[in-house]
Amino acid sequence: MPGKNNGQNSVIGGGGYHHVAIRAIDFDFTLRFYIDGLGFTRTYGWGTDDRANGGKDSRAALLDSGDGNYLEVFAGGTGELWPELPETVFMHIAFRTTDIHKAIEKARSLGATITVEPKSVVPPNADMPEKTFTVAFFRGPNGELVEFFQNDEL
């Protein structure tokens, strides 16, 4: 059941990834991009947009990518790094797909900048059998680097 998987990690109790968070430059456009464009589902949200009254935009939303893993979107992005947060440690967000060509064309149709067209890669691994992955990358509406990942085994 989406969002209910407790995982198999006995050390930390559960495991698996719950969400990755981004700070949106345009909150409403970002929600439309991921919900209307890529088929995510908004499952929860909070905060207010008080900018008209001199306040700040504190809106946030959890978007289910389709399997109970979430993209958390916060309002208030500026396109600049926040010095108190190490936001540069994440390289990219990767989403599973069963049809990478369809997925990347959908992102392209939404205006995303494609940085890597779909391609097959075979990472070298001396200790395990080789596996072929198909990957593609694009820039989301806030500059976030997003990967589509296709492989039947992982």
N, C-alpha and C. Protein backbone atom coordinates (compact mmCIF):
# COMPACT_ATOMS: atom_id res chain seq x y z
N MET A 1 0.84 -1.17 0.00
CA MET A 1 0.00 0.00 0.00
C MET A 1 0.89 1.24 0.00
N PRO A 2 0.69 2.21 -0.93
CA PRO A 2 1.54 3.39 -1.00
C PRO A 2 1.59 4.12 0.33
N GLY A 3 2.79 4.54 0.68
CA GLY A 3 2.99 5.32 1.89
C GLY A 3 2.98 4.51 3.18
N LYS A 4 2.71 3.21 3.09
CA LYS A 4 2.59 2.38 4.29
C LYS A 4 3.70 1.36 4.42
N ASN A 5 4.60 1.28 3.46
CA ASN A 5 5.67 0.29 3.49
C ASN A 5 6.67 0.67 4.57
N ASN A 6 6.86 -0.21 5.53
CA ASN A 6 7.79 0.07 6.61
C ASN A 6 9.21 -0.37 6.30
N GLY A 7 9.44 -0.97 5.16
CA GLY A 7 10.78 -1.33 4.75
C GLY A 7 11.33 -2.53 5.49
N GLN A 8 12.59 -2.84 5.19
CA GLN A 8 13.24 -4.03 5.71
C GLN A 8 14.52 -3.74 6.48
N ASN A 9 14.79 -2.49 6.79
CA ASN A 9 16.04 -2.14 7.48
C ASN A 9 15.87 -2.31 8.98
N SER A 10 16.48 -3.36 9.52
CA SER A 10 16.33 -3.65 10.95
C SER A 10 17.18 -2.74 11.83
N VAL A 11 18.17 -2.08 11.25
CA VAL A 11 19.05 -1.21 12.03
C VAL A 11 18.35 0.10 12.39
N ILE A 12 17.72 0.75 11.41
CA ILE A 12 17.05 2.03 11.69
C ILE A 12 15.54 1.86 11.85
N GLY A 13 15.03 0.66 11.64
CA GLY A 13 13.61 0.43 11.77
C GLY A 13 12.84 0.94 10.58
N GLY A 14 12.65 0.14 9.60
CA GLY A 14 11.94 0.55 8.39
C GLY A 14 12.90 0.71 7.24
N GLY A 15 13.11 1.93 6.86
CA GLY A 15 14.03 2.21 5.78
C GLY A 15 13.31 2.63 4.51
N GLY A 16 14.05 2.83 3.47
CA GLY A 16 13.49 3.33 2.23
C GLY A 16 13.43 4.85 2.26
N TYR A 17 13.26 5.42 1.09
CA TYR A 17 13.20 6.87 1.09
C TYR A 17 11.75 7.31 1.15
N HIS A 18 11.47 8.30 1.96
CA HIS A 18 10.12 8.84 2.11
C HIS A 18 9.93 10.03 1.18
N HIS A 19 10.85 10.98 1.22
CA HIS A 19 10.73 12.13 0.33
C HIS A 19 12.07 12.82 0.10
N VAL A 20 12.08 13.58 -0.96
CA VAL A 20 13.16 14.51 -1.27
C VAL A 20 12.49 15.87 -1.34
N ALA A 21 13.11 16.89 -0.78
CA ALA A 21 12.50 18.22 -0.72
C ALA A 21 13.21 19.19 -1.65
N ILE A 22 12.42 20.05 -2.28
CA ILE A 22 12.95 21.14 -3.08
C ILE A 22 12.26 22.43 -2.65
N ARG A 23 12.90 23.56 -2.91
CA ARG A 23 12.31 24.86 -2.64
C ARG A 23 11.98 25.48 -3.99
N ALA A 24 10.69 25.70 -4.24
CA ALA A 24 10.21 26.17 -5.54
C ALA A 24 10.32 27.68 -5.69
N ILE A 25 10.80 28.12 -6.82
CA ILE A 25 10.83 29.53 -7.15
C ILE A 25 9.40 30.00 -7.44
N ASP A 26 8.65 29.20 -8.20
CA ASP A 26 7.23 29.47 -8.47
C ASP A 26 6.46 28.24 -7.98
N PHE A 27 5.91 28.34 -6.79
CA PHE A 27 5.25 27.21 -6.13
C PHE A 27 4.11 26.64 -6.98
N ASP A 28 3.20 27.51 -7.45
CA ASP A 28 2.04 27.04 -8.20
C ASP A 28 2.45 26.37 -9.50
N PHE A 29 3.41 26.95 -10.22
CA PHE A 29 3.87 26.35 -11.46
C PHE A 29 4.54 25.00 -11.19
N THR A 30 5.31 24.92 -10.12
CA THR A 30 5.98 23.67 -9.78
C THR A 30 4.96 22.58 -9.49
N LEU A 31 3.89 22.90 -8.75
CA LEU A 31 2.85 21.91 -8.50
C LEU A 31 2.19 21.47 -9.81
N ARG A 32 1.87 22.42 -10.69
CA ARG A 32 1.27 22.05 -11.98
C ARG A 32 2.20 21.16 -12.79
N PHE A 33 3.51 21.48 -12.79
CA PHE A 33 4.49 20.71 -13.55
C PHE A 33 4.49 19.25 -13.11
N TYR A 34 4.57 19.02 -11.80
CA TYR A 34 4.65 17.65 -11.29
C TYR A 34 3.29 16.96 -11.23
N ILE A 35 2.22 17.67 -10.91
CA ILE A 35 0.89 17.04 -10.78
C ILE A 35 0.24 16.88 -12.14
N ASP A 36 -0.03 18.00 -12.82
CA ASP A 36 -0.71 17.92 -14.11
C ASP A 36 0.19 17.36 -15.20
N GLY A 37 1.46 17.74 -15.14
CA GLY A 37 2.38 17.33 -16.18
C GLY A 37 2.90 15.92 -16.05
N LEU A 38 3.40 15.56 -14.86
CA LEU A 38 4.05 14.25 -14.70
C LEU A 38 3.21 13.24 -13.92
N GLY A 39 1.99 13.61 -13.53
CA GLY A 39 1.07 12.63 -12.94
C GLY A 39 1.25 12.36 -11.46
N PHE A 40 1.98 13.19 -10.73
CA PHE A 40 2.10 13.02 -9.29
C PHE A 40 0.76 13.38 -8.64
N THR A 41 0.56 12.96 -7.39
CA THR A 41 -0.67 13.24 -6.66
C THR A 41 -0.34 14.03 -5.40
N ARG A 42 -1.06 15.14 -5.22
CA ARG A 42 -0.85 15.92 -3.98
C ARG A 42 -1.59 15.20 -2.86
N THR A 43 -0.84 14.76 -1.85
CA THR A 43 -1.46 14.00 -0.76
C THR A 43 -1.58 14.81 0.53
N TYR A 44 -0.84 15.90 0.63
CA TYR A 44 -0.90 16.70 1.84
C TYR A 44 -0.28 18.06 1.55
N GLY A 45 -0.73 19.07 2.25
CA GLY A 45 -0.18 20.40 2.09
C GLY A 45 -0.43 21.23 3.34
N TRP A 46 0.33 22.31 3.49
CA TRP A 46 0.18 23.17 4.66
C TRP A 46 0.78 24.53 4.36
N GLY A 47 0.56 25.47 5.28
CA GLY A 47 1.11 26.81 5.17
C GLY A 47 0.19 27.75 4.42
N THR A 48 0.60 29.00 4.33
CA THR A 48 -0.20 30.04 3.68
C THR A 48 0.68 30.92 2.82
N ASP A 49 0.03 31.63 1.91
CA ASP A 49 0.72 32.63 1.10
C ASP A 49 0.28 33.99 1.63
N ASP A 50 1.07 34.55 2.52
CA ASP A 50 0.75 35.84 3.15
C ASP A 50 1.55 36.99 2.56
N ARG A 51 2.11 36.83 1.38
CA ARG A 51 2.96 37.87 0.80
C ARG A 51 2.20 39.18 0.59
N ALA A 52 0.91 39.09 0.25
CA ALA A 52 0.13 40.30 0.00
C ALA A 52 0.02 41.16 1.26
N ASN A 53 0.15 40.57 2.42
CA ASN A 53 0.05 41.29 3.69
C ASN A 53 1.41 41.53 4.33
N GLY A 54 2.46 41.44 3.53
CA GLY A 54 3.81 41.68 4.03
C GLY A 54 4.44 40.48 4.70
N GLY A 55 3.75 39.35 4.67
CA GLY A 55 4.28 38.14 5.28
C GLY A 55 5.07 37.33 4.28
N LYS A 56 5.30 36.08 4.60
CA LYS A 56 6.05 35.21 3.69
C LYS A 56 5.17 34.09 3.18
N ASP A 57 5.63 33.47 2.16
CA ASP A 57 4.93 32.33 1.58
C ASP A 57 5.45 31.08 2.26
N SER A 58 4.63 30.47 3.09
CA SER A 58 5.07 29.29 3.85
C SER A 58 4.43 28.00 3.35
N ARG A 59 3.87 28.05 2.14
CA ARG A 59 3.18 26.86 1.62
C ARG A 59 4.15 25.72 1.34
N ALA A 60 3.64 24.50 1.53
CA ALA A 60 4.40 23.30 1.22
C ALA A 60 3.42 22.21 0.84
N ALA A 61 3.89 21.22 0.10
CA ALA A 61 3.04 20.12 -0.32
C ALA A 61 3.86 18.85 -0.47
N LEU A 62 3.24 17.72 -0.15
CA LEU A 62 3.83 16.41 -0.42
C LEU A 62 3.16 15.84 -1.66
N LEU A 63 3.96 15.50 -2.65
CA LEU A 63 3.46 14.96 -3.91
C LEU A 63 3.91 13.52 -4.04
N ASP A 64 2.96 12.60 -4.13
CA ASP A 64 3.25 11.18 -4.28
C ASP A 64 3.66 10.93 -5.72
N SER A 65 4.84 10.34 -5.90
CA SER A 65 5.34 10.08 -7.26
C SER A 65 4.66 8.89 -7.91
N GLY A 66 3.85 8.15 -7.14
CA GLY A 66 3.11 7.04 -7.70
C GLY A 66 3.27 5.75 -6.93
N ASP A 67 4.21 5.72 -5.98
CA ASP A 67 4.43 4.49 -5.23
C ASP A 67 4.64 4.73 -3.74
N GLY A 68 4.14 5.87 -3.26
CA GLY A 68 4.29 6.17 -1.85
C GLY A 68 5.59 6.84 -1.49
N ASN A 69 6.41 7.19 -2.47
CA ASN A 69 7.59 8.01 -2.27
C ASN A 69 7.23 9.42 -2.70
N TYR A 70 7.71 10.42 -1.96
CA TYR A 70 7.22 11.76 -2.16
C TYR A 70 8.29 12.75 -2.59
N LEU A 71 7.82 13.76 -3.32
CA LEU A 71 8.58 14.97 -3.58
C LEU A 71 7.91 16.03 -2.72
N GLU A 72 8.68 16.62 -1.80
CA GLU A 72 8.15 17.67 -0.93
C GLU A 72 8.54 19.01 -1.55
N VAL A 73 7.55 19.85 -1.79
CA VAL A 73 7.77 21.13 -2.44
C VAL A 73 7.48 22.25 -1.45
N PHE A 74 8.47 23.11 -1.22
CA PHE A 74 8.31 24.28 -0.36
C PHE A 74 8.28 25.53 -1.23
N ALA A 75 7.49 26.51 -0.84
CA ALA A 75 7.49 27.81 -1.51
C ALA A 75 8.69 28.61 -1.03
N GLY A 76 8.93 29.73 -1.69
CA GLY A 76 9.93 30.68 -1.20
C GLY A 76 11.31 30.56 -1.80
N GLY A 77 11.46 29.76 -2.84
CA GLY A 77 12.77 29.66 -3.48
C GLY A 77 13.14 30.93 -4.21
N THR A 78 14.41 31.23 -4.25
CA THR A 78 14.90 32.44 -4.92
C THR A 78 15.85 32.13 -6.06
N GLY A 79 16.25 30.88 -6.15
CA GLY A 79 17.27 30.52 -7.13
C GLY A 79 18.67 30.69 -6.58
N GLU A 80 18.78 31.23 -5.36
CA GLU A 80 20.07 31.39 -4.71
C GLU A 80 20.21 30.34 -3.61
N LEU A 81 21.43 29.97 -3.30
CA LEU A 81 21.65 29.02 -2.22
C LEU A 81 21.37 29.67 -0.87
N TRP A 82 20.82 28.92 0.01
CA TRP A 82 20.60 29.38 1.38
C TRP A 82 21.85 29.04 2.16
N PRO A 83 22.57 30.03 2.70
CA PRO A 83 23.85 29.73 3.36
C PRO A 83 23.71 28.82 4.58
N GLU A 84 22.58 28.85 5.25
CA GLU A 84 22.44 28.03 6.45
C GLU A 84 22.03 26.59 6.14
N LEU A 85 21.69 26.29 4.90
CA LEU A 85 21.28 24.93 4.54
C LEU A 85 22.22 24.36 3.49
N PRO A 86 22.69 23.14 3.68
CA PRO A 86 23.60 22.54 2.70
C PRO A 86 22.83 21.92 1.53
N GLU A 87 22.09 22.76 0.78
CA GLU A 87 21.23 22.25 -0.28
C GLU A 87 22.02 21.72 -1.48
N THR A 88 23.30 21.96 -1.55
CA THR A 88 24.07 21.51 -2.69
C THR A 88 24.56 20.07 -2.54
N VAL A 89 24.27 19.39 -1.43
CA VAL A 89 24.77 18.04 -1.26
C VAL A 89 24.00 17.03 -2.11
N PHE A 90 22.79 17.35 -2.52
CA PHE A 90 22.04 16.43 -3.36
C PHE A 90 22.40 16.66 -4.81
N MET A 91 22.67 15.56 -5.52
CA MET A 91 23.04 15.66 -6.92
C MET A 91 21.81 15.72 -7.83
N HIS A 92 20.83 14.87 -7.57
CA HIS A 92 19.63 14.84 -8.40
C HIS A 92 18.55 14.01 -7.72
N ILE A 93 17.35 14.10 -8.24
CA ILE A 93 16.22 13.28 -7.83
C ILE A 93 15.99 12.28 -8.96
N ALA A 94 15.81 11.00 -8.65
CA ALA A 94 15.57 9.99 -9.69
C ALA A 94 14.21 9.36 -9.49
N PHE A 95 13.44 9.27 -10.58
CA PHE A 95 12.13 8.63 -10.55
C PHE A 95 12.13 7.45 -11.50
N ARG A 96 11.58 6.34 -11.00
CA ARG A 96 11.44 5.12 -11.78
C ARG A 96 10.43 5.33 -12.92
N THR A 97 10.68 4.70 -14.05
CA THR A 97 9.73 4.71 -15.15
C THR A 97 9.81 3.37 -15.88
N THR A 98 8.71 2.99 -16.50
CA THR A 98 8.70 1.80 -17.34
C THR A 98 8.83 2.15 -18.82
N ASP A 99 8.76 3.44 -19.15
CA ASP A 99 8.90 3.89 -20.53
C ASP A 99 9.65 5.22 -20.53
N ILE A 100 10.96 5.15 -20.55
CA ILE A 100 11.78 6.34 -20.40
C ILE A 100 11.61 7.32 -21.55
N HIS A 101 11.36 6.82 -22.76
CA HIS A 101 11.19 7.71 -23.91
C HIS A 101 9.89 8.51 -23.77
N LYS A 102 8.84 7.86 -23.35
CA LYS A 102 7.56 8.56 -23.12
C LYS A 102 7.72 9.58 -21.99
N ALA A 103 8.39 9.18 -20.92
CA ALA A 103 8.56 10.07 -19.77
C ALA A 103 9.37 11.31 -20.14
N ILE A 104 10.47 11.15 -20.86
CA ILE A 104 11.30 12.31 -21.19
C ILE A 104 10.60 13.21 -22.19
N GLU A 105 9.81 12.63 -23.09
CA GLU A 105 9.05 13.46 -24.03
C GLU A 105 7.98 14.27 -23.30
N LYS A 106 7.39 13.69 -22.27
CA LYS A 106 6.42 14.43 -21.47
C LYS A 106 7.09 15.60 -20.78
N ALA A 107 8.26 15.37 -20.18
CA ALA A 107 8.99 16.47 -19.53
C ALA A 107 9.35 17.54 -20.55
N ARG A 108 9.79 17.12 -21.74
CA ARG A 108 10.14 18.08 -22.80
C ARG A 108 8.92 18.92 -23.19
N SER A 109 7.76 18.27 -23.31
CA SER A 109 6.54 18.99 -23.70
C SER A 109 6.11 20.01 -22.65
N LEU A 110 6.57 19.83 -21.42
CA LEU A 110 6.25 20.77 -20.34
C LEU A 110 7.26 21.91 -20.27
N GLY A 111 8.23 21.91 -21.17
CA GLY A 111 9.22 22.98 -21.21
C GLY A 111 10.50 22.68 -20.46
N ALA A 112 10.65 21.45 -19.98
CA ALA A 112 11.87 21.09 -19.25
C ALA A 112 13.06 21.10 -20.21
N THR A 113 14.21 21.48 -19.71
CA THR A 113 15.45 21.42 -20.48
C THR A 113 16.05 20.03 -20.29
N ILE A 114 16.14 19.29 -21.38
CA ILE A 114 16.71 17.94 -21.33
C ILE A 114 18.22 18.08 -21.31
N THR A 115 18.86 17.50 -20.31
CA THR A 115 20.32 17.58 -20.20
C THR A 115 21.00 16.31 -20.68
N VAL A 116 20.31 15.17 -20.59
CA VAL A 116 20.82 13.90 -21.11
C VAL A 116 19.64 13.16 -21.73
N GLU A 117 19.72 12.92 -23.02
CA GLU A 117 18.68 12.14 -23.70
C GLU A 117 18.75 10.69 -23.20
N PRO A 118 17.67 9.91 -23.35
CA PRO A 118 17.70 8.52 -22.90
C PRO A 118 18.89 7.76 -23.48
N LYS A 119 19.59 7.08 -22.58
CA LYS A 119 20.73 6.28 -23.02
C LYS A 119 20.91 5.11 -22.07
N SER A 120 21.50 4.05 -22.57
CA SER A 120 21.80 2.88 -21.75
C SER A 120 23.20 3.02 -21.18
N VAL A 121 23.32 2.65 -19.91
CA VAL A 121 24.62 2.66 -19.25
C VAL A 121 24.83 1.34 -18.55
N VAL A 122 26.06 0.88 -18.52
CA VAL A 122 26.43 -0.34 -17.82
C VAL A 122 27.55 0.03 -16.86
N PRO A 123 27.20 0.35 -15.61
CA PRO A 123 28.26 0.73 -14.66
C PRO A 123 29.20 -0.45 -14.42
N PRO A 124 30.51 -0.19 -14.41
CA PRO A 124 31.46 -1.27 -14.15
C PRO A 124 31.34 -1.74 -12.70
N ASN A 125 31.35 -3.04 -12.52
CA ASN A 125 31.27 -3.59 -11.17
C ASN A 125 32.01 -4.91 -11.16
N ALA A 126 33.14 -4.95 -10.49
CA ALA A 126 33.97 -6.16 -10.47
C ALA A 126 33.39 -7.24 -9.57
N ASP A 127 32.52 -6.86 -8.62
CA ASP A 127 32.02 -7.81 -7.64
C ASP A 127 30.64 -8.38 -7.96
N MET A 128 29.95 -7.83 -8.92
CA MET A 128 28.59 -8.27 -9.21
C MET A 128 28.40 -8.36 -10.72
N PRO A 129 27.41 -9.12 -11.17
CA PRO A 129 27.13 -9.18 -12.61
C PRO A 129 26.75 -7.81 -13.14
N GLU A 130 27.13 -7.56 -14.38
CA GLU A 130 26.79 -6.29 -15.00
C GLU A 130 25.29 -6.13 -15.13
N LYS A 131 24.81 -4.91 -15.00
CA LYS A 131 23.40 -4.57 -15.21
C LYS A 131 23.35 -3.37 -16.14
N THR A 132 22.36 -3.37 -16.99
CA THR A 132 22.15 -2.24 -17.89
C THR A 132 21.01 -1.40 -17.36
N PHE A 133 21.26 -0.09 -17.23
CA PHE A 133 20.25 0.86 -16.82
C PHE A 133 19.99 1.81 -17.98
N THR A 134 18.78 2.28 -18.11
CA THR A 134 18.48 3.32 -19.07
C THR A 134 18.15 4.57 -18.28
N VAL A 135 18.83 5.67 -18.59
CA VAL A 135 18.69 6.90 -17.83
C VAL A 135 18.47 8.08 -18.78
N ALA A 136 17.85 9.12 -18.24
CA ALA A 136 17.70 10.40 -18.92
C ALA A 136 17.59 11.46 -17.84
N PHE A 137 18.06 12.67 -18.14
CA PHE A 137 18.05 13.75 -17.15
C PHE A 137 17.44 15.01 -17.74
N PHE A 138 16.80 15.80 -16.87
CA PHE A 138 16.28 17.11 -17.27
C PHE A 138 16.30 18.05 -16.09
N ARG A 139 16.18 19.34 -16.38
CA ARG A 139 16.07 20.37 -15.34
C ARG A 139 14.59 20.66 -15.12
N GLY A 140 14.17 20.55 -13.85
CA GLY A 140 12.80 20.88 -13.49
C GLY A 140 12.59 22.38 -13.44
N PRO A 141 11.40 22.83 -13.09
CA PRO A 141 11.07 24.25 -13.16
C PRO A 141 11.86 25.14 -12.22
N ASN A 142 12.55 24.58 -11.23
CA ASN A 142 13.34 25.38 -10.28
C ASN A 142 14.82 25.16 -10.46
N GLY A 143 15.19 24.48 -11.54
CA GLY A 143 16.59 24.17 -11.78
C GLY A 143 17.02 22.84 -11.19
N GLU A 144 16.10 22.14 -10.51
CA GLU A 144 16.45 20.85 -9.93
C GLU A 144 16.78 19.85 -11.04
N LEU A 145 17.79 19.04 -10.79
CA LEU A 145 18.19 18.03 -11.75
C LEU A 145 17.39 16.77 -11.46
N VAL A 146 16.64 16.29 -12.46
CA VAL A 146 15.76 15.14 -12.31
C VAL A 146 16.20 14.06 -13.28
N GLU A 147 16.25 12.83 -12.77
CA GLU A 147 16.59 11.68 -13.59
C GLU A 147 15.37 10.78 -13.74
N PHE A 148 15.15 10.26 -14.93
CA PHE A 148 14.24 9.13 -15.11
C PHE A 148 15.14 7.90 -15.21
N PHE A 149 14.75 6.83 -14.52
CA PHE A 149 15.57 5.62 -14.38
C PHE A 149 14.71 4.43 -14.77
N GLN A 150 15.19 3.63 -15.72
CA GLN A 150 14.44 2.45 -16.15
C GLN A 150 15.30 1.21 -16.06
N ASN A 151 14.83 0.22 -15.30
CA ASN A 151 15.47 -1.08 -15.15
C ASN A 151 14.47 -1.98 -14.47
N ASP A 152 14.26 -3.16 -14.98
CA ASP A 152 13.26 -4.07 -14.43
C ASP A 152 13.70 -4.73 -13.12
N GLU A 153 14.99 -4.69 -12.81
CA GLU A 153 15.50 -5.41 -11.64
C GLU A 153 15.65 -4.54 -10.40
N LEU A 154 15.90 -3.26 -10.56
CA LEU A 154 16.14 -2.38 -9.42
C LEU A 154 15.09 -1.29 -9.33
